[in-house]
Amino acid sequence: MKIIAIEHEVNGVTPDDFRQYLKEEALAVYGLCQRGEIREIYFRADRDEAVLVLECESVNEANMVLATLPLVKQGLIKFDLIPLRAYPGFSRLFKKS
């Protein structure tokens, strides 16, 4: 199942709170990409928050995957998760009238 994860910083954190964990975070994200759990990762153009596309069996599994990230472990970020399903509309093109 594809799941979109939208990052949000936790209220009250400062850029200094992140600095010591950023290299460890990048390494962890790289590992999840190599394992195929993170399929795509972006930063929003309007603010410094990540948007990830995960491939997991469930939203619960996606939560467990994201919980391994150092910035999540430190309580600096959290994610909103949106499960996706395939668009069914194309079938309308092939229905007989």
N, C-alpha and C. Protein backbone atom coordinates (compact mmCIF):
# COMPACT_ATOMS: atom_id res chain seq x y z
N MET A 1 0.84 -1.17 0.00
CA MET A 1 0.00 0.00 0.00
C MET A 1 0.89 1.24 0.00
N LYS A 2 0.55 2.19 -0.84
CA LYS A 2 1.26 3.47 -0.84
C LYS A 2 0.66 4.37 0.24
N ILE A 3 1.53 5.03 0.95
CA ILE A 3 1.12 5.92 2.03
C ILE A 3 1.93 7.20 1.91
N ILE A 4 1.25 8.33 1.93
CA ILE A 4 1.93 9.62 1.95
C ILE A 4 2.11 10.03 3.40
N ALA A 5 3.31 10.45 3.74
CA ALA A 5 3.62 10.93 5.09
C ALA A 5 4.04 12.39 4.98
N ILE A 6 3.32 13.24 5.69
CA ILE A 6 3.61 14.67 5.67
C ILE A 6 4.17 15.06 7.03
N GLU A 7 5.40 15.56 7.01
CA GLU A 7 6.10 15.92 8.25
C GLU A 7 5.58 17.23 8.81
N HIS A 8 5.56 17.30 10.13
CA HIS A 8 5.28 18.54 10.85
C HIS A 8 6.24 18.63 12.01
N GLU A 9 6.82 19.81 12.19
CA GLU A 9 7.67 20.02 13.36
C GLU A 9 6.79 20.13 14.59
N VAL A 10 7.32 19.67 15.70
CA VAL A 10 6.62 19.76 16.97
C VAL A 10 6.76 21.20 17.49
N ASN A 11 5.69 21.72 18.05
CA ASN A 11 5.73 23.09 18.58
C ASN A 11 6.83 23.25 19.62
N GLY A 12 7.51 24.39 19.54
CA GLY A 12 8.52 24.73 20.53
C GLY A 12 9.93 24.30 20.20
N VAL A 13 10.14 23.58 19.10
CA VAL A 13 11.50 23.18 18.75
C VAL A 13 12.17 24.28 17.93
N THR A 14 13.47 24.33 18.02
CA THR A 14 14.24 25.34 17.29
C THR A 14 15.19 24.64 16.32
N PRO A 15 15.72 25.37 15.33
CA PRO A 15 16.68 24.75 14.41
C PRO A 15 17.87 24.13 15.15
N ASP A 16 18.30 24.71 16.24
CA ASP A 16 19.41 24.14 17.00
C ASP A 16 19.08 22.76 17.56
N ASP A 17 17.82 22.51 17.86
CA ASP A 17 17.42 21.20 18.39
C ASP A 17 17.67 20.08 17.38
N PHE A 18 17.67 20.42 16.10
CA PHE A 18 17.79 19.43 15.03
C PHE A 18 19.24 19.10 14.67
N ARG A 19 20.12 20.07 14.79
CA ARG A 19 21.46 19.99 14.19
C ARG A 19 22.21 18.69 14.49
N GLN A 20 22.25 18.27 15.72
CA GLN A 20 23.07 17.11 16.07
C GLN A 20 22.52 15.80 15.51
N TYR A 21 21.28 15.80 15.03
CA TYR A 21 20.66 14.56 14.55
C TYR A 21 20.53 14.49 13.02
N LEU A 22 20.89 15.54 12.31
CA LEU A 22 20.60 15.59 10.88
C LEU A 22 21.37 14.57 10.06
N LYS A 23 22.64 14.34 10.37
CA LYS A 23 23.40 13.33 9.62
C LYS A 23 22.85 11.93 9.91
N GLU A 24 22.54 11.65 11.16
CA GLU A 24 21.96 10.37 11.54
C GLU A 24 20.59 10.17 10.86
N GLU A 25 19.83 11.25 10.77
CA GLU A 25 18.52 11.19 10.10
C GLU A 25 18.70 10.85 8.62
N ALA A 26 19.63 11.52 7.96
CA ALA A 26 19.88 11.26 6.53
C ALA A 26 20.29 9.80 6.32
N LEU A 27 21.13 9.28 7.19
CA LEU A 27 21.56 7.88 7.09
C LEU A 27 20.38 6.93 7.27
N ALA A 28 19.52 7.22 8.23
CA ALA A 28 18.34 6.38 8.47
C ALA A 28 17.39 6.41 7.27
N VAL A 29 17.15 7.60 6.71
CA VAL A 29 16.28 7.73 5.54
C VAL A 29 16.88 6.97 4.36
N TYR A 30 18.19 7.08 4.18
CA TYR A 30 18.86 6.35 3.11
C TYR A 30 18.62 4.83 3.26
N GLY A 31 18.76 4.33 4.47
CA GLY A 31 18.53 2.91 4.71
C GLY A 31 17.11 2.49 4.39
N LEU A 32 16.13 3.31 4.77
CA LEU A 32 14.73 2.99 4.47
C LEU A 32 14.45 3.06 2.97
N CYS A 33 15.13 3.95 2.27
CA CYS A 33 15.01 4.00 0.81
C CYS A 33 15.60 2.74 0.19
N GLN A 34 16.74 2.32 0.67
CA GLN A 34 17.40 1.13 0.14
C GLN A 34 16.56 -0.13 0.38
N ARG A 35 15.81 -0.16 1.48
CA ARG A 35 14.95 -1.31 1.78
C ARG A 35 13.61 -1.23 1.05
N GLY A 36 13.34 -0.10 0.39
CA GLY A 36 12.10 0.04 -0.37
C GLY A 36 10.91 0.50 0.45
N GLU A 37 11.13 0.84 1.70
CA GLU A 37 10.02 1.31 2.53
C GLU A 37 9.70 2.78 2.24
N ILE A 38 10.72 3.58 2.01
CA ILE A 38 10.51 4.92 1.49
C ILE A 38 10.79 4.85 -0.01
N ARG A 39 9.78 5.17 -0.80
CA ARG A 39 9.91 5.10 -2.25
C ARG A 39 10.31 6.44 -2.85
N GLU A 40 9.83 7.52 -2.24
CA GLU A 40 10.13 8.87 -2.72
C GLU A 40 10.20 9.78 -1.50
N ILE A 41 11.02 10.83 -1.61
CA ILE A 41 11.10 11.81 -0.53
C ILE A 41 11.36 13.18 -1.14
N TYR A 42 10.65 14.15 -0.61
CA TYR A 42 10.73 15.52 -1.10
C TYR A 42 10.71 16.47 0.09
N PHE A 43 11.08 17.73 -0.18
CA PHE A 43 10.80 18.81 0.76
C PHE A 43 9.77 19.70 0.11
N ARG A 44 8.85 20.20 0.91
CA ARG A 44 7.88 21.15 0.41
C ARG A 44 8.59 22.40 -0.07
N ALA A 45 8.10 23.01 -1.12
CA ALA A 45 8.71 24.23 -1.65
C ALA A 45 8.40 25.44 -0.79
N ASP A 46 7.32 25.36 -0.01
CA ASP A 46 6.89 26.51 0.78
C ASP A 46 7.36 26.50 2.23
N ARG A 47 7.94 25.39 2.69
CA ARG A 47 8.51 25.32 4.05
C ARG A 47 9.39 24.08 4.17
N ASP A 48 10.23 24.06 5.17
CA ASP A 48 11.18 22.97 5.35
C ASP A 48 10.54 21.78 6.07
N GLU A 49 9.63 21.13 5.38
CA GLU A 49 9.01 19.93 5.89
C GLU A 49 9.01 18.88 4.79
N ALA A 50 9.28 17.66 5.18
CA ALA A 50 9.40 16.56 4.21
C ALA A 50 8.04 15.97 3.88
N VAL A 51 7.97 15.44 2.67
CA VAL A 51 6.82 14.66 2.21
C VAL A 51 7.39 13.36 1.67
N LEU A 52 6.95 12.25 2.24
CA LEU A 52 7.47 10.94 1.86
C LEU A 52 6.37 10.10 1.24
N VAL A 53 6.74 9.25 0.32
CA VAL A 53 5.85 8.22 -0.19
C VAL A 53 6.42 6.90 0.29
N LEU A 54 5.65 6.20 1.11
CA LEU A 54 6.09 4.93 1.67
C LEU A 54 5.36 3.78 1.00
N GLU A 55 5.98 2.62 1.02
CA GLU A 55 5.35 1.38 0.56
C GLU A 55 5.34 0.45 1.76
N CYS A 56 4.16 0.29 2.36
CA CYS A 56 4.00 -0.52 3.57
C CYS A 56 2.71 -1.32 3.48
N GLU A 57 2.59 -2.33 4.30
CA GLU A 57 1.38 -3.15 4.32
C GLU A 57 0.19 -2.42 4.92
N SER A 58 0.46 -1.44 5.81
CA SER A 58 -0.63 -0.76 6.50
C SER A 58 -0.13 0.58 7.04
N VAL A 59 -1.07 1.39 7.49
CA VAL A 59 -0.71 2.65 8.15
C VAL A 59 0.04 2.36 9.44
N ASN A 60 -0.35 1.32 10.14
CA ASN A 60 0.35 0.94 11.36
C ASN A 60 1.82 0.62 11.08
N GLU A 61 2.08 -0.14 10.01
CA GLU A 61 3.46 -0.44 9.64
C GLU A 61 4.22 0.83 9.28
N ALA A 62 3.56 1.74 8.57
CA ALA A 62 4.20 3.01 8.21
C ALA A 62 4.58 3.80 9.46
N ASN A 63 3.70 3.80 10.45
CA ASN A 63 4.01 4.46 11.73
C ASN A 63 5.23 3.84 12.38
N MET A 64 5.33 2.52 12.34
CA MET A 64 6.48 1.84 12.94
C MET A 64 7.77 2.17 12.19
N VAL A 65 7.70 2.25 10.86
CA VAL A 65 8.87 2.60 10.05
C VAL A 65 9.33 4.01 10.41
N LEU A 66 8.40 4.95 10.42
CA LEU A 66 8.75 6.35 10.71
C LEU A 66 9.25 6.53 12.14
N ALA A 67 8.79 5.69 13.05
CA ALA A 67 9.23 5.77 14.45
C ALA A 67 10.71 5.44 14.61
N THR A 68 11.32 4.83 13.58
CA THR A 68 12.75 4.51 13.65
C THR A 68 13.63 5.71 13.32
N LEU A 69 13.04 6.78 12.79
CA LEU A 69 13.82 7.95 12.40
C LEU A 69 14.28 8.73 13.63
N PRO A 70 15.54 9.14 13.66
CA PRO A 70 16.07 9.86 14.82
C PRO A 70 15.28 11.11 15.21
N LEU A 71 14.81 11.88 14.23
CA LEU A 71 14.06 13.10 14.57
C LEU A 71 12.71 12.78 15.19
N VAL A 72 12.13 11.65 14.82
CA VAL A 72 10.89 11.19 15.45
C VAL A 72 11.20 10.69 16.86
N LYS A 73 12.25 9.89 16.99
CA LYS A 73 12.64 9.37 18.30
C LYS A 73 12.90 10.49 19.30
N GLN A 74 13.47 11.59 18.82
CA GLN A 74 13.80 12.72 19.69
C GLN A 74 12.59 13.64 19.94
N GLY A 75 11.47 13.33 19.32
CA GLY A 75 10.26 14.12 19.51
C GLY A 75 10.29 15.47 18.82
N LEU A 76 11.10 15.59 17.76
CA LEU A 76 11.24 16.86 17.05
C LEU A 76 10.26 17.01 15.89
N ILE A 77 9.85 15.88 15.31
CA ILE A 77 8.90 15.91 14.20
C ILE A 77 7.87 14.81 14.41
N LYS A 78 6.75 14.97 13.69
CA LYS A 78 5.72 13.94 13.63
C LYS A 78 5.19 13.93 12.20
N PHE A 79 4.40 12.95 11.88
CA PHE A 79 3.89 12.79 10.53
C PHE A 79 2.38 12.59 10.53
N ASP A 80 1.72 13.19 9.54
CA ASP A 80 0.35 12.84 9.20
C ASP A 80 0.45 11.81 8.09
N LEU A 81 -0.30 10.71 8.21
CA LEU A 81 -0.25 9.64 7.22
C LEU A 81 -1.55 9.58 6.44
N ILE A 82 -1.42 9.44 5.12
CA ILE A 82 -2.57 9.36 4.23
C ILE A 82 -2.42 8.09 3.39
N PRO A 83 -3.26 7.06 3.65
CA PRO A 83 -3.20 5.86 2.81
C PRO A 83 -3.83 6.13 1.45
N LEU A 84 -3.26 5.55 0.41
CA LEU A 84 -3.74 5.75 -0.95
C LEU A 84 -4.25 4.44 -1.53
N ARG A 85 -5.12 4.57 -2.51
CA ARG A 85 -5.56 3.42 -3.30
C ARG A 85 -5.55 3.84 -4.75
N ALA A 86 -5.57 2.90 -5.63
CA ALA A 86 -5.51 3.19 -7.06
C ALA A 86 -6.76 3.97 -7.49
N TYR A 87 -6.59 4.86 -8.43
CA TYR A 87 -7.69 5.64 -8.99
C TYR A 87 -8.58 4.71 -9.81
N PRO A 88 -9.88 4.63 -9.49
CA PRO A 88 -10.76 3.70 -10.20
C PRO A 88 -11.45 4.30 -11.42
N GLY A 89 -11.28 5.58 -11.68
CA GLY A 89 -12.05 6.27 -12.70
C GLY A 89 -11.81 5.84 -14.13
N PHE A 90 -10.65 5.30 -14.42
CA PHE A 90 -10.38 4.90 -15.80
C PHE A 90 -11.32 3.80 -16.28
N SER A 91 -11.84 2.99 -15.37
CA SER A 91 -12.75 1.93 -15.78
C SER A 91 -13.99 2.49 -16.47
N ARG A 92 -14.34 3.74 -16.17
CA ARG A 92 -15.50 4.37 -16.81
C ARG A 92 -15.29 4.54 -18.31
N LEU A 93 -14.05 4.61 -18.73
CA LEU A 93 -13.74 4.79 -20.14
C LEU A 93 -14.07 3.56 -20.97
N PHE A 94 -14.15 2.40 -20.33
CA PHE A 94 -14.30 1.15 -21.05
C PHE A 94 -15.63 0.46 -20.79
N LYS A 95 -16.52 1.11 -20.05
CA LYS A 95 -17.84 0.54 -19.79
C LYS A 95 -18.70 0.72 -21.04
N LYS A 96 -19.46 -0.31 -21.33
CA LYS A 96 -20.38 -0.23 -22.46
C LYS A 96 -21.60 0.56 -22.02
N SER A 97 -22.04 1.43 -22.90
CA SER A 97 -23.21 2.28 -22.59
C SER A 97 -24.50 1.52 -22.65
